[in-house]
Amino acid sequence: MTTTALKKQVDGYLPLLSAKQQILILEMIKSFLNVDKDEERISRKQYNKELNEAVSRIEKGNFVTHKDAMKELSKW
């Protein structure tokens, strides 16, 4: 599919979305382009530290199951 055809399709679908959905699409596009230059990536050391802390919490049973999360979300 050509760039022009893709643009035409996006332009056709975008007005059909709610304002909230359009904002989500815009944020997704920005994330693809890494537009938010002022946000710095964390270091590998920090990433591993956060990952190890998360694993530790899970091993201690401090987590929410998918089923419970979905139940909670359905209340929103």
N, C-alpha and C. Protein backbone atom coordinates (compact mmCIF):
# COMPACT_ATOMS: atom_id res chain seq x y z
N MET A 1 0.84 -1.17 0.00
CA MET A 1 0.00 0.00 0.00
C MET A 1 0.89 1.24 0.00
N THR A 2 0.54 2.21 -0.80
CA THR A 2 1.35 3.41 -0.91
C THR A 2 1.12 4.35 0.28
N THR A 3 2.04 5.26 0.47
CA THR A 3 1.92 6.24 1.55
C THR A 3 0.66 7.07 1.37
N THR A 4 0.36 7.43 0.14
CA THR A 4 -0.83 8.22 -0.14
C THR A 4 -2.10 7.46 0.24
N ALA A 5 -2.15 6.18 -0.11
CA ALA A 5 -3.31 5.36 0.22
C ALA A 5 -3.46 5.19 1.72
N LEU A 6 -2.33 5.01 2.41
CA LEU A 6 -2.38 4.90 3.86
C LEU A 6 -2.89 6.18 4.50
N LYS A 7 -2.36 7.31 4.04
CA LYS A 7 -2.79 8.61 4.58
C LYS A 7 -4.29 8.81 4.35
N LYS A 8 -4.76 8.43 3.19
CA LYS A 8 -6.18 8.59 2.87
C LYS A 8 -7.04 7.73 3.81
N GLN A 9 -6.60 6.52 4.09
CA GLN A 9 -7.33 5.64 5.00
C GLN A 9 -7.35 6.21 6.42
N VAL A 10 -6.20 6.66 6.90
CA VAL A 10 -6.11 7.24 8.25
C VAL A 10 -7.01 8.47 8.33
N ASP A 11 -6.93 9.33 7.31
CA ASP A 11 -7.77 10.54 7.29
C ASP A 11 -9.26 10.20 7.28
N GLY A 12 -9.60 9.06 6.70
CA GLY A 12 -11.00 8.63 6.66
C GLY A 12 -11.48 8.07 7.98
N TYR A 13 -10.62 7.36 8.66
CA TYR A 13 -11.01 6.73 9.93
C TYR A 13 -10.94 7.68 11.13
N LEU A 14 -10.00 8.60 11.12
CA LEU A 14 -9.77 9.47 12.28
C LEU A 14 -11.03 10.22 12.75
N PRO A 15 -11.81 10.80 11.85
CA PRO A 15 -13.02 11.52 12.31
C PRO A 15 -14.07 10.59 12.93
N LEU A 16 -13.99 9.30 12.67
CA LEU A 16 -14.96 8.35 13.21
C LEU A 16 -14.68 8.00 14.66
N LEU A 17 -13.49 8.35 15.13
CA LEU A 17 -13.10 8.05 16.51
C LEU A 17 -13.56 9.14 17.45
N SER A 18 -13.78 8.76 18.71
CA SER A 18 -14.12 9.77 19.72
C SER A 18 -12.88 10.62 19.98
N ALA A 19 -13.07 11.73 20.67
CA ALA A 19 -11.93 12.60 21.00
C ALA A 19 -10.91 11.84 21.83
N LYS A 20 -11.39 11.04 22.77
CA LYS A 20 -10.48 10.27 23.62
C LYS A 20 -9.67 9.27 22.79
N GLN A 21 -10.32 8.61 21.85
CA GLN A 21 -9.62 7.66 20.99
C GLN A 21 -8.61 8.37 20.10
N GLN A 22 -8.95 9.55 19.62
CA GLN A 22 -8.02 10.32 18.80
C GLN A 22 -6.78 10.70 19.59
N ILE A 23 -6.97 11.08 20.86
CA ILE A 23 -5.83 11.42 21.72
C ILE A 23 -4.95 10.19 21.91
N LEU A 24 -5.56 9.03 22.12
CA LEU A 24 -4.78 7.80 22.29
C LEU A 24 -3.96 7.49 21.04
N ILE A 25 -4.58 7.66 19.87
CA ILE A 25 -3.87 7.42 18.61
C ILE A 25 -2.70 8.39 18.48
N LEU A 26 -2.92 9.66 18.80
CA LEU A 26 -1.85 10.66 18.74
C LEU A 26 -0.71 10.29 19.67
N GLU A 27 -1.03 9.89 20.90
CA GLU A 27 0.01 9.50 21.84
C GLU A 27 0.79 8.29 21.33
N MET A 28 0.09 7.35 20.71
CA MET A 28 0.76 6.18 20.17
C MET A 28 1.72 6.58 19.05
N ILE A 29 1.27 7.45 18.17
CA ILE A 29 2.13 7.92 17.08
C ILE A 29 3.36 8.63 17.63
N LYS A 30 3.14 9.49 18.65
CA LYS A 30 4.27 10.19 19.27
C LYS A 30 5.27 9.20 19.87
N SER A 31 4.75 8.15 20.48
CA SER A 31 5.65 7.18 21.09
C SER A 31 6.47 6.46 20.01
N PHE A 32 5.86 6.21 18.86
CA PHE A 32 6.59 5.60 17.75
C PHE A 32 7.72 6.50 17.28
N LEU A 33 7.46 7.79 17.29
CA LEU A 33 8.44 8.76 16.80
C LEU A 33 9.37 9.26 17.89
N ASN A 34 9.10 8.86 19.12
CA ASN A 34 9.89 9.31 20.27
C ASN A 34 9.93 10.84 20.32
N VAL A 35 8.75 11.45 20.18
CA VAL A 35 8.63 12.90 20.13
C VAL A 35 9.00 13.55 21.45
N ASP A 36 8.69 12.91 22.56
CA ASP A 36 8.94 13.49 23.87
C ASP A 36 10.42 13.38 24.21
N LYS A 37 11.18 14.29 23.67
CA LYS A 37 12.64 14.27 23.84
C LYS A 37 13.08 14.59 25.27
N ASP A 38 12.21 15.29 26.03
CA ASP A 38 12.60 15.67 27.38
C ASP A 38 12.53 14.50 28.36
N GLU A 39 11.92 13.40 27.95
CA GLU A 39 11.90 12.22 28.81
C GLU A 39 13.18 11.42 28.57
N GLU A 40 13.90 11.18 29.65
CA GLU A 40 15.14 10.42 29.50
C GLU A 40 14.89 8.95 29.80
N ARG A 41 15.60 8.10 29.11
CA ARG A 41 15.50 6.67 29.36
C ARG A 41 16.26 6.36 30.64
N ILE A 42 15.79 5.34 31.35
CA ILE A 42 16.51 4.94 32.55
C ILE A 42 17.70 4.09 32.16
N SER A 43 18.66 4.01 33.04
CA SER A 43 19.85 3.23 32.76
C SER A 43 19.53 1.74 32.87
N ARG A 44 20.41 0.94 32.32
CA ARG A 44 20.25 -0.52 32.42
C ARG A 44 20.29 -0.94 33.88
N LYS A 45 21.15 -0.30 34.66
CA LYS A 45 21.27 -0.61 36.08
C LYS A 45 19.94 -0.34 36.80
N GLN A 46 19.33 0.82 36.53
CA GLN A 46 18.05 1.18 37.14
C GLN A 46 16.96 0.22 36.68
N TYR A 47 16.95 -0.10 35.39
CA TYR A 47 15.97 -1.03 34.83
C TYR A 47 16.05 -2.38 35.55
N ASN A 48 17.27 -2.91 35.67
CA ASN A 48 17.45 -4.20 36.34
C ASN A 48 17.05 -4.13 37.81
N LYS A 49 17.34 -3.02 38.47
CA LYS A 49 16.95 -2.84 39.86
C LYS A 49 15.43 -2.90 39.99
N GLU A 50 14.72 -2.16 39.14
CA GLU A 50 13.26 -2.14 39.18
C GLU A 50 12.69 -3.52 38.84
N LEU A 51 13.30 -4.19 37.90
CA LEU A 51 12.87 -5.52 37.52
C LEU A 51 13.04 -6.50 38.69
N ASN A 52 14.19 -6.45 39.35
CA ASN A 52 14.43 -7.34 40.50
C ASN A 52 13.46 -7.05 41.64
N GLU A 53 13.15 -5.77 41.86
CA GLU A 53 12.19 -5.40 42.90
C GLU A 53 10.80 -5.95 42.56
N ALA A 54 10.43 -5.89 41.31
CA ALA A 54 9.13 -6.41 40.89
C ALA A 54 9.06 -7.93 41.07
N VAL A 55 10.12 -8.61 40.67
CA VAL A 55 10.17 -10.07 40.84
C VAL A 55 10.07 -10.43 42.32
N SER A 56 10.75 -9.68 43.15
CA SER A 56 10.71 -9.91 44.59
C SER A 56 9.29 -9.76 45.13
N ARG A 57 8.59 -8.70 44.69
CA ARG A 57 7.21 -8.51 45.13
C ARG A 57 6.32 -9.67 44.70
N ILE A 58 6.50 -10.13 43.49
CA ILE A 58 5.71 -11.26 42.98
C ILE A 58 5.99 -12.51 43.79
N GLU A 59 7.26 -12.77 44.07
CA GLU A 59 7.63 -13.96 44.85
C GLU A 59 7.04 -13.92 46.26
N LYS A 60 6.82 -12.72 46.78
CA LYS A 60 6.22 -12.56 48.11
C LYS A 60 4.70 -12.61 48.05
N GLY A 61 4.15 -12.77 46.86
CA GLY A 61 2.70 -12.85 46.71
C GLY A 61 2.02 -11.50 46.59
N ASN A 62 2.80 -10.45 46.42
CA ASN A 62 2.26 -9.10 46.32
C ASN A 62 1.99 -8.76 44.85
N PHE A 63 0.88 -9.24 44.33
CA PHE A 63 0.51 -9.01 42.95
C PHE A 63 -0.99 -9.12 42.78
N VAL A 64 -1.50 -8.70 41.65
CA VAL A 64 -2.91 -8.80 41.32
C VAL A 64 -3.02 -9.72 40.11
N THR A 65 -3.90 -10.69 40.19
CA THR A 65 -4.08 -11.60 39.06
C THR A 65 -4.80 -10.88 37.93
N HIS A 66 -4.68 -11.41 36.75
CA HIS A 66 -5.36 -10.85 35.59
C HIS A 66 -6.87 -10.85 35.83
N LYS A 67 -7.38 -11.93 36.37
CA LYS A 67 -8.81 -12.06 36.64
C LYS A 67 -9.27 -10.95 37.60
N ASP A 68 -8.52 -10.74 38.67
CA ASP A 68 -8.87 -9.68 39.64
C ASP A 68 -8.76 -8.29 39.02
N ALA A 69 -7.75 -8.09 38.21
CA ALA A 69 -7.58 -6.79 37.55
C ALA A 69 -8.76 -6.51 36.62
N MET A 70 -9.18 -7.52 35.86
CA MET A 70 -10.31 -7.36 34.96
C MET A 70 -11.59 -7.09 35.72
N LYS A 71 -11.75 -7.76 36.87
CA LYS A 71 -12.93 -7.54 37.71
C LYS A 71 -12.95 -6.09 38.19
N GLU A 72 -11.80 -5.59 38.63
CA GLU A 72 -11.70 -4.21 39.11
C GLU A 72 -11.96 -3.22 37.97
N LEU A 73 -11.40 -3.49 36.80
CA LEU A 73 -11.60 -2.61 35.65
C LEU A 73 -13.06 -2.54 35.22
N SER A 74 -13.78 -3.64 35.39
CA SER A 74 -15.19 -3.65 34.97
C SER A 74 -16.03 -2.71 35.83
N LYS A 75 -15.52 -2.30 37.00
CA LYS A 75 -16.24 -1.39 37.87
C LYS A 75 -16.09 0.07 37.43
N TRP A 76 -15.14 0.35 36.57
CA TRP A 76 -14.87 1.73 36.16
C TRP A 76 -15.93 2.25 35.24
